[in-house]
Amino acid sequence: MDRAPGLSVRLKLTLSYAGFLMIAGVLLLATVWVFLLRDFSVVSSRPGEFVPIRTVILRAYAPATAVVLTFLLVFGLVGGWILAGRMLAPLTRITNATRVATNGSLSHRIRLTGRKDEFRELADAFDTMLTQLEAHIAEQQRFAANASHELRTPLAITKTLLDAARTDPNRDTGRLVDRLHTVNTRAIDLTEALLLLSRANLRSFTREPVDLSLMAEEATETLLPLGERRGVTIETCGEITPTLGSHSLLLQLTMNLVQNAIVHNLPEQGTVWVNTSVRPKTVVLTVENTGEQLTPQLVSTLTEPFQRGTERIHGDHAGVGLGLAIVKSITQAHDGTLTLTPRPAGGIRITVELPAVSPHPDGETSGS
C-alpha cells in the first residue's frame, strides 16, 4: 500500500518528550515567579529612592530563564531521540523480521531477550506465527507433491490403456472399459478426498448438535456388507455421545475409521470394535480391529497423507491413502484429539475425543 511520507515514530516521540519537558519547565519557572517573587514590591537603592523589586528580579531572572529553557529544549531533543531509539529498538527488529518473512524466508526468528513486556509479547507471538506458518507451508508442499504423484498415476494408467487400444484394434473393448472405469473411479475418489480434506482444514462448516453413537451405528450399517465379504465381524456398543460439529464431516470421520478397520484386518475371522463413551468434558469414539502387528513408529505416520499401514490393497475399497489424514483434519477442525495405539495382539486402536455438550442445551427445545 502506497502511503504519503510522514514523521517517523522516533521523531514523534522525541518531539513529545521535548515538548513535555519544555511545558514542565515553563510551568516550574512560572510557579517560582508567581508564588515566590510577586510579593516583593520595592527596594531602596539610595536614601530616598525606591525601585520596584520585580523589575530588578526580572532583569536577572529573564536571561536565566531563557538559558534554562534553551537547555531543556536541547536536552529534551537529544535525550528524547536517544531514549526513543532505545525504546523502539525491539520494534525495529520485529519490522526487519517481517521484511525477511515477506521475502520468503520463514526460518528467521526474532528471539528478543529480557523480561516480558509489550514488545517481547509481540515478538514471541510473531515467532510462534512464523513457526506455525513454516510448518504449515512445509506440510502443504509435501501434501501437494504427494497429491500430484497420486493423481499422476491413474492418469498415466489411463493414457497407457488408451494408447494400447489405439495400437491394437482387436483388443477386448469390454475389459478395457472396465479397467478405465476402475482407474477413473480411483481418480474421482482421490479428488473428492482432497476436497474434503481442504474443507476440514479450512473449517468451512456449520456446527450443529450431533450424536457420535448414531454416527457409529450408521457407519456400521453402511459398511456391514463390506465386512461380510471380507469375513470381518463388526461389534458396536456404547452410550449417547452429544457434541457440536458438522454432521457430514463427523459421519465421514466415522465411516473412514470403520472402513479402515475392515480393510486393514485379518483376511478371515477378523473383528472390528466400535465404541462410544462419555467423559466429564469430552465424548469419545473408539474404533479398534484385529490385524497385523504394528510398531509405534509406523502407527505415528499413518495420519500423514498417502501413508498406509500395509501394502496397497486392491479392490472396491482400496482407498487413496487419505482416510486417516482426513480423520485427523476433521478431528482438529472440531477441536478434538486423535490417538492411535497399536494393539498388543495385532491391529490398532484409534480414539477420537471431542468436546462434549449437553444433549438439550438451555433454551433449545427438542423440536428446534
Protein backbone atom coordinates (compact mmCIF):
# COMPACT_ATOMS: atom_id res chain seq x y z
CA MET A 1 0.00 0.00 0.00
CA ASP A 2 1.40 3.39 -1.04
CA ARG A 3 1.26 5.98 1.72
CA ALA A 4 2.29 9.62 1.84
CA PRO A 5 5.57 10.17 3.73
CA GLY A 6 5.24 11.32 7.33
CA LEU A 7 7.20 11.78 10.51
CA SER A 8 8.79 8.69 11.99
CA VAL A 9 7.58 7.35 15.31
CA ARG A 10 11.01 8.03 16.79
CA LEU A 11 10.84 11.69 15.78
CA LYS A 12 7.29 11.99 17.09
CA LEU A 13 8.34 10.53 20.43
CA THR A 14 11.36 12.83 20.54
CA LEU A 15 9.23 15.92 19.92
CA SER A 16 6.74 14.68 22.51
CA TYR A 17 9.44 14.19 25.14
CA ALA A 18 10.97 17.61 24.40
CA GLY A 19 7.56 19.28 24.35
CA PHE A 20 6.51 17.82 27.69
CA LEU A 21 9.88 18.76 29.20
CA MET A 22 9.54 22.33 27.94
CA ILE A 23 5.98 22.60 29.28
CA ALA A 24 7.12 21.29 32.67
CA GLY A 25 10.00 23.77 32.72
CA VAL A 26 7.77 26.71 31.82
CA LEU A 27 5.25 25.74 34.48
CA LEU A 28 8.02 25.39 37.08
CA LEU A 29 9.54 28.78 36.26
CA ALA A 30 6.10 30.40 36.18
CA THR A 31 5.31 28.90 39.55
CA VAL A 32 8.51 30.30 41.03
CA TRP A 33 7.70 33.71 39.62
CA VAL A 34 4.07 33.77 40.72
CA PHE A 35 4.32 32.32 44.20
CA LEU A 36 7.77 33.46 45.35
CA LEU A 37 8.53 36.75 43.69
CA ARG A 38 5.26 38.58 43.21
CA ASP A 39 5.06 39.80 46.87
CA PHE A 40 8.29 41.77 46.66
CA SER A 41 7.23 45.32 45.77
CA VAL A 42 10.09 47.84 46.18
CA VAL A 43 13.66 48.08 47.33
CA SER A 44 15.76 51.10 48.37
CA SER A 45 18.89 51.62 46.32
CA ARG A 46 19.80 55.01 47.77
CA PRO A 47 18.31 57.09 50.57
CA GLY A 48 15.02 58.50 49.36
CA GLU A 49 14.88 56.35 46.15
CA PHE A 50 12.76 53.22 45.73
CA VAL A 51 12.93 50.80 42.78
CA PRO A 52 10.30 48.03 42.19
CA ILE A 53 11.97 44.75 43.17
CA ARG A 54 10.13 42.78 40.48
CA THR A 55 11.84 44.92 37.85
CA VAL A 56 15.23 44.12 39.33
CA ILE A 57 14.47 40.44 39.63
CA LEU A 58 13.01 40.31 36.13
CA ARG A 59 16.20 41.79 34.67
CA ALA A 60 18.23 39.00 36.30
CA TYR A 61 15.56 36.29 36.09
CA ALA A 62 14.65 36.60 32.40
CA PRO A 63 18.11 35.76 30.93
CA ALA A 64 18.49 32.85 33.34
CA THR A 65 15.04 31.62 32.37
CA ALA A 66 15.92 31.77 28.66
CA VAL A 67 19.12 29.82 29.31
CA VAL A 68 17.24 27.17 31.31
CA LEU A 69 14.53 26.78 28.67
CA THR A 70 17.11 26.53 25.91
CA PHE A 71 18.95 23.86 27.88
CA LEU A 72 15.69 21.97 28.47
CA LEU A 73 14.86 22.12 24.78
CA VAL A 74 18.24 20.76 23.68
CA PHE A 75 18.28 18.19 26.47
CA GLY A 76 14.74 17.09 25.61
CA LEU A 77 15.51 16.70 21.91
CA VAL A 78 18.80 14.85 22.34
CA GLY A 79 17.68 12.76 25.30
CA GLY A 80 14.31 12.06 23.73
CA TRP A 81 15.93 10.94 20.46
CA ILE A 82 18.27 8.54 22.30
CA LEU A 83 15.55 7.26 24.63
CA ALA A 84 13.06 6.77 21.78
CA GLY A 85 15.69 4.86 19.83
CA ARG A 86 16.34 2.51 22.71
CA MET A 87 12.61 2.01 23.33
CA LEU A 88 11.86 1.33 19.65
CA ALA A 89 14.85 -0.96 19.03
CA PRO A 90 12.74 -4.15 19.55
CA LEU A 91 10.13 -2.79 17.14
CA THR A 92 12.87 -2.26 14.55
CA ARG A 93 13.92 -5.91 14.92
CA ILE A 94 10.31 -7.03 14.51
CA THR A 95 9.95 -4.87 11.39
CA ASN A 96 13.15 -6.29 9.90
CA ALA A 97 11.97 -9.83 10.65
CA THR A 98 8.68 -9.06 8.92
CA ARG A 99 10.50 -7.89 5.81
CA VAL A 100 12.61 -11.05 5.82
CA ALA A 101 9.47 -13.19 6.13
CA THR A 102 7.82 -11.22 3.33
CA ASN A 103 10.72 -12.14 1.07
CA GLY A 104 10.00 -15.83 1.70
CA SER A 105 12.45 -16.68 4.49
CA LEU A 106 10.28 -18.16 7.27
CA SER A 107 13.18 -19.69 9.21
CA HIS A 108 14.25 -16.32 10.69
CA ARG A 109 13.28 -15.71 14.33
CA ILE A 110 13.43 -12.53 16.42
CA ARG A 111 14.13 -14.14 19.81
CA LEU A 112 14.03 -10.97 21.91
CA THR A 113 15.74 -11.35 25.28
CA GLY A 114 14.82 -9.71 28.54
CA ARG A 115 11.78 -9.61 30.75
CA LYS A 116 8.24 -9.72 29.49
CA ASP A 117 6.74 -6.52 28.12
CA GLU A 118 4.52 -5.48 25.20
CA PHE A 119 7.31 -5.64 22.62
CA ARG A 120 8.51 -9.04 23.79
CA GLU A 121 4.96 -10.38 23.76
CA LEU A 122 4.63 -9.17 20.19
CA ALA A 123 7.99 -10.69 19.21
CA ASP A 124 7.14 -14.04 20.84
CA ALA A 125 3.75 -14.08 19.11
CA PHE A 126 5.44 -13.28 15.79
CA ASP A 127 7.99 -16.07 16.29
CA THR A 128 5.18 -18.50 17.09
CA MET A 129 3.28 -17.42 13.99
CA LEU A 130 6.39 -17.93 11.83
CA THR A 131 6.93 -21.39 13.30
CA GLN A 132 3.36 -22.45 12.62
CA LEU A 133 3.38 -20.87 9.17
CA GLU A 134 6.64 -22.57 8.25
CA ALA A 135 5.31 -25.95 9.39
CA HIS A 136 2.01 -25.39 7.58
CA ILE A 137 3.69 -24.43 4.31
CA ALA A 138 6.07 -27.38 4.54
CA GLU A 139 3.12 -29.69 5.12
CA GLN A 140 1.22 -28.15 2.22
CA GLN A 141 4.19 -28.52 -0.09
CA ARG A 142 4.65 -32.15 0.93
CA PHE A 143 0.94 -32.77 0.53
CA ALA A 144 0.85 -31.12 -2.91
CA ALA A 145 3.81 -33.21 -4.07
CA ASN A 146 2.17 -36.41 -2.83
CA ALA A 147 -1.20 -35.44 -4.30
CA SER A 148 0.30 -34.68 -7.71
CA HIS A 149 2.12 -38.01 -7.62
CA GLU A 150 -1.03 -39.92 -6.69
CA LEU A 151 -3.10 -38.15 -9.37
CA ARG A 152 -0.42 -38.71 -11.97
CA THR A 153 -0.65 -42.48 -11.50
CA PRO A 154 -4.29 -43.01 -12.66
CA LEU A 155 -3.81 -40.51 -15.47
CA ALA A 156 -0.69 -42.33 -16.67
CA ILE A 157 -2.52 -45.67 -16.49
CA THR A 158 -5.44 -44.24 -18.48
CA LYS A 159 -3.08 -42.92 -21.15
CA THR A 160 -1.32 -46.29 -21.36
CA LEU A 161 -4.61 -48.16 -21.76
CA LEU A 162 -5.81 -45.79 -24.45
CA ASP A 163 -2.51 -46.00 -26.32
CA ALA A 164 -2.67 -49.79 -26.18
CA ALA A 165 -6.25 -49.76 -27.51
CA ARG A 166 -5.23 -47.46 -30.38
CA THR A 167 -2.38 -49.73 -31.46
CA ASP A 168 -4.44 -52.92 -31.08
CA PRO A 169 -7.91 -52.51 -32.64
CA ASN A 170 -8.78 -56.15 -31.84
CA ARG A 171 -8.28 -55.63 -28.09
CA ASP A 172 -11.15 -56.71 -25.80
CA THR A 173 -13.18 -53.49 -25.53
CA GLY A 174 -15.22 -54.63 -22.54
CA ARG A 175 -12.15 -55.39 -20.46
CA LEU A 176 -10.59 -52.07 -21.46
CA VAL A 177 -13.73 -50.19 -20.41
CA ASP A 178 -13.77 -52.00 -17.06
CA ARG A 179 -10.16 -51.09 -16.34
CA LEU A 180 -10.69 -47.49 -17.41
CA HIS A 181 -13.75 -47.32 -15.17
CA THR A 182 -11.75 -48.61 -12.20
CA VAL A 183 -8.92 -46.14 -12.78
CA ASN A 184 -11.33 -43.25 -13.32
CA THR A 185 -13.22 -44.12 -10.14
CA ARG A 186 -10.00 -44.05 -8.17
CA ALA A 187 -9.11 -40.63 -9.58
CA ILE A 188 -12.56 -39.30 -8.68
CA ASP A 189 -12.30 -40.74 -5.16
CA LEU A 190 -8.91 -39.12 -4.71
CA THR A 191 -10.19 -35.75 -5.94
CA GLU A 192 -13.20 -35.88 -3.61
CA ALA A 193 -10.94 -36.85 -0.71
CA LEU A 194 -8.66 -33.90 -1.42
CA LEU A 195 -11.64 -31.52 -1.49
CA LEU A 196 -12.96 -32.97 1.77
CA LEU A 197 -9.54 -32.61 3.39
CA SER A 198 -9.32 -28.99 2.24
CA ARG A 199 -12.80 -28.27 3.62
CA ALA A 200 -11.86 -29.71 7.00
CA ASN A 201 -8.59 -27.75 7.12
CA LEU A 202 -10.42 -24.50 6.34
CA ARG A 203 -13.13 -25.26 8.95
CA SER A 204 -15.74 -24.12 6.46
CA PHE A 205 -18.74 -25.81 8.04
CA THR A 206 -21.66 -25.05 10.33
CA ARG A 207 -21.68 -26.56 13.82
CA GLU A 208 -24.84 -28.29 14.97
CA PRO A 209 -25.72 -30.82 17.70
CA VAL A 210 -24.73 -34.35 16.66
CA ASP A 211 -24.51 -37.73 18.38
CA LEU A 212 -21.41 -39.83 17.70
CA SER A 213 -23.24 -43.02 18.73
CA LEU A 214 -25.71 -42.50 15.87
CA MET A 215 -22.77 -41.91 13.52
CA ALA A 216 -21.24 -45.20 14.64
CA GLU A 217 -24.49 -47.08 14.02
CA GLU A 218 -24.96 -45.54 10.58
CA ALA A 219 -21.38 -46.26 9.54
CA THR A 220 -21.63 -49.84 10.78
CA GLU A 221 -24.87 -50.49 8.87
CA THR A 222 -23.47 -48.95 5.69
CA LEU A 223 -20.21 -50.92 5.78
CA LEU A 224 -21.67 -54.19 7.06
CA PRO A 225 -21.77 -55.74 3.54
CA LEU A 226 -18.07 -54.93 3.09
CA GLY A 227 -17.29 -56.59 6.40
CA GLU A 228 -19.32 -59.70 5.45
CA ARG A 229 -17.50 -60.04 2.13
CA ARG A 230 -14.17 -59.91 3.95
CA GLY A 231 -15.25 -62.19 6.77
CA VAL A 232 -14.93 -59.42 9.37
CA THR A 233 -17.29 -59.12 12.32
CA ILE A 234 -18.32 -55.62 13.43
CA GLU A 235 -19.38 -55.08 17.03
CA THR A 236 -20.90 -51.74 18.07
CA CYS A 237 -21.73 -50.60 21.59
CA GLY A 238 -21.68 -47.52 23.75
CA GLU A 239 -23.78 -44.63 25.01
CA ILE A 240 -25.16 -41.36 23.73
CA THR A 241 -22.27 -39.01 22.93
CA PRO A 242 -23.53 -35.49 22.11
CA THR A 243 -21.18 -32.93 20.64
CA LEU A 244 -21.21 -29.95 18.29
CA GLY A 245 -19.94 -30.18 14.73
CA SER A 246 -20.66 -30.89 11.10
CA HIS A 247 -22.92 -33.90 10.64
CA SER A 248 -21.46 -34.76 7.23
CA LEU A 249 -17.83 -34.37 8.30
CA LEU A 250 -18.22 -36.38 11.50
CA LEU A 251 -20.09 -39.09 9.59
CA GLN A 252 -17.22 -39.17 7.09
CA LEU A 253 -14.78 -39.42 10.01
CA THR A 254 -16.65 -42.42 11.42
CA MET A 255 -17.01 -44.06 8.00
CA ASN A 256 -13.28 -43.69 7.35
CA LEU A 257 -12.38 -45.22 10.70
CA VAL A 258 -14.71 -48.22 10.32
CA GLN A 259 -13.76 -48.80 6.67
CA ASN A 260 -10.07 -48.56 7.53
CA ALA A 261 -10.57 -51.08 10.36
CA ILE A 262 -12.34 -53.51 7.99
CA VAL A 263 -9.93 -53.23 5.07
CA HIS A 264 -6.77 -53.44 7.19
CA ASN A 265 -7.79 -56.56 9.07
CA LEU A 266 -7.28 -60.28 9.09
CA PRO A 267 -8.43 -61.94 5.83
CA GLU A 268 -10.84 -64.18 7.76
CA GLN A 269 -12.28 -64.19 11.28
CA GLY A 270 -11.27 -60.59 11.87
CA THR A 271 -13.13 -58.30 14.24
CA VAL A 272 -13.84 -54.57 14.42
CA TRP A 273 -15.00 -52.96 17.67
CA VAL A 274 -16.77 -49.58 17.57
CA ASN A 275 -17.45 -47.99 20.94
CA THR A 276 -18.70 -44.60 22.14
CA SER A 277 -18.37 -43.26 25.67
CA VAL A 278 -18.73 -40.05 27.68
CA ARG A 279 -16.13 -38.43 29.91
CA PRO A 280 -16.59 -35.40 32.18
CA LYS A 281 -15.84 -32.86 29.44
CA THR A 282 -15.47 -34.93 26.27
CA VAL A 283 -17.13 -37.62 24.19
CA VAL A 284 -15.05 -40.48 22.84
CA LEU A 285 -15.32 -42.62 19.73
CA THR A 286 -13.04 -45.68 19.73
CA VAL A 287 -12.51 -47.97 16.76
CA GLU A 288 -10.15 -50.94 17.02
CA ASN A 289 -9.53 -54.02 14.97
CA THR A 290 -7.56 -57.22 14.72
CA GLY A 291 -4.79 -57.40 12.18
CA GLU A 292 -1.06 -57.41 11.69
CA GLN A 293 1.39 -56.36 14.37
CA LEU A 294 2.19 -52.65 14.00
CA THR A 295 5.11 -50.80 15.52
CA PRO A 296 4.61 -47.46 17.31
CA GLN A 297 6.91 -45.85 14.72
CA LEU A 298 4.67 -47.00 11.87
CA VAL A 299 1.48 -46.03 13.68
CA SER A 300 2.78 -42.49 14.21
CA THR A 301 2.94 -41.98 10.42
CA LEU A 302 -0.49 -43.32 9.50
CA THR A 303 -2.23 -39.94 9.74
CA GLU A 304 0.13 -38.46 7.15
CA PRO A 305 -1.43 -38.11 3.69
CA PHE A 306 -0.92 -41.10 1.36
CA GLN A 307 0.53 -43.29 4.12
CA ARG A 308 -0.75 -46.85 4.52
CA GLY A 309 -0.13 -49.35 7.26
CA THR A 310 0.20 -52.25 4.83
CA GLU A 311 0.82 -52.68 1.14
CA ARG A 312 -1.69 -51.23 -1.30
CA ILE A 313 -4.95 -53.12 -1.10
CA HIS A 314 -6.69 -53.61 -4.41
CA GLY A 315 -10.44 -53.69 -4.62
CA ASP A 316 -13.55 -51.55 -4.47
CA HIS A 317 -12.50 -50.03 -1.17
CA ALA A 318 -8.78 -49.78 -1.71
CA GLY A 319 -8.75 -46.18 -0.60
CA VAL A 320 -6.49 -43.38 -1.70
CA GLY A 321 -4.22 -43.07 1.32
CA LEU A 322 -6.14 -40.13 2.79
CA GLY A 323 -8.53 -41.90 5.16
CA LEU A 324 -6.73 -41.23 8.44
CA ALA A 325 -5.38 -37.89 7.20
CA ILE A 326 -9.00 -36.79 6.72
CA VAL A 327 -9.89 -38.16 10.16
CA LYS A 328 -7.07 -36.13 11.71
CA SER A 329 -8.09 -32.92 9.93
CA ILE A 330 -11.77 -33.32 10.84
CA THR A 331 -10.85 -34.02 14.46
CA GLN A 332 -8.63 -30.95 14.68
CA ALA A 333 -11.30 -28.82 12.97
CA HIS A 334 -13.69 -29.86 15.78
CA ASP A 335 -11.13 -29.00 18.49
CA GLY A 336 -10.63 -32.65 19.32
CA THR A 337 -7.72 -35.06 19.71
CA LEU A 338 -6.84 -38.18 17.75
CA THR A 339 -4.85 -41.02 19.32
CA LEU A 340 -3.51 -44.11 17.53
CA THR A 341 -2.23 -47.03 19.58
CA PRO A 342 -1.07 -50.44 18.33
CA ARG A 343 -2.84 -53.37 19.99
CA PRO A 344 -0.53 -55.96 21.61
CA ALA A 345 -2.39 -58.80 19.88
CA GLY A 346 -2.25 -57.08 16.48
CA GLY A 347 -4.25 -54.36 14.83
CA ILE A 348 -4.75 -50.82 16.04
CA ARG A 349 -6.91 -48.80 18.42
CA ILE A 350 -7.95 -45.33 17.22
CA THR A 351 -9.57 -42.91 19.65
CA VAL A 352 -11.29 -39.66 18.72
CA GLU A 353 -12.06 -37.32 21.61
CA LEU A 354 -14.30 -34.28 21.04
CA PRO A 355 -15.72 -31.61 23.35
CA ALA A 356 -18.97 -32.74 24.96
CA VAL A 357 -22.19 -30.73 25.08
CA SER A 358 -25.47 -31.18 26.86
CA PRO A 359 -27.94 -33.17 24.76
CA HIS A 360 -30.53 -30.41 25.37
CA PRO A 361 -28.81 -27.01 25.69
CA ASP A 362 -30.60 -24.33 27.70
CA GLY A 363 -33.17 -22.55 25.67
CA GLU A 364 -33.31 -25.23 22.98
CA THR A 365 -36.35 -27.40 22.68
CA SER A 366 -36.45 -30.88 21.27
CA GLY A 367 -38.31 -29.65 18.23
CA SER A 368 -35.87 -26.89 17.32
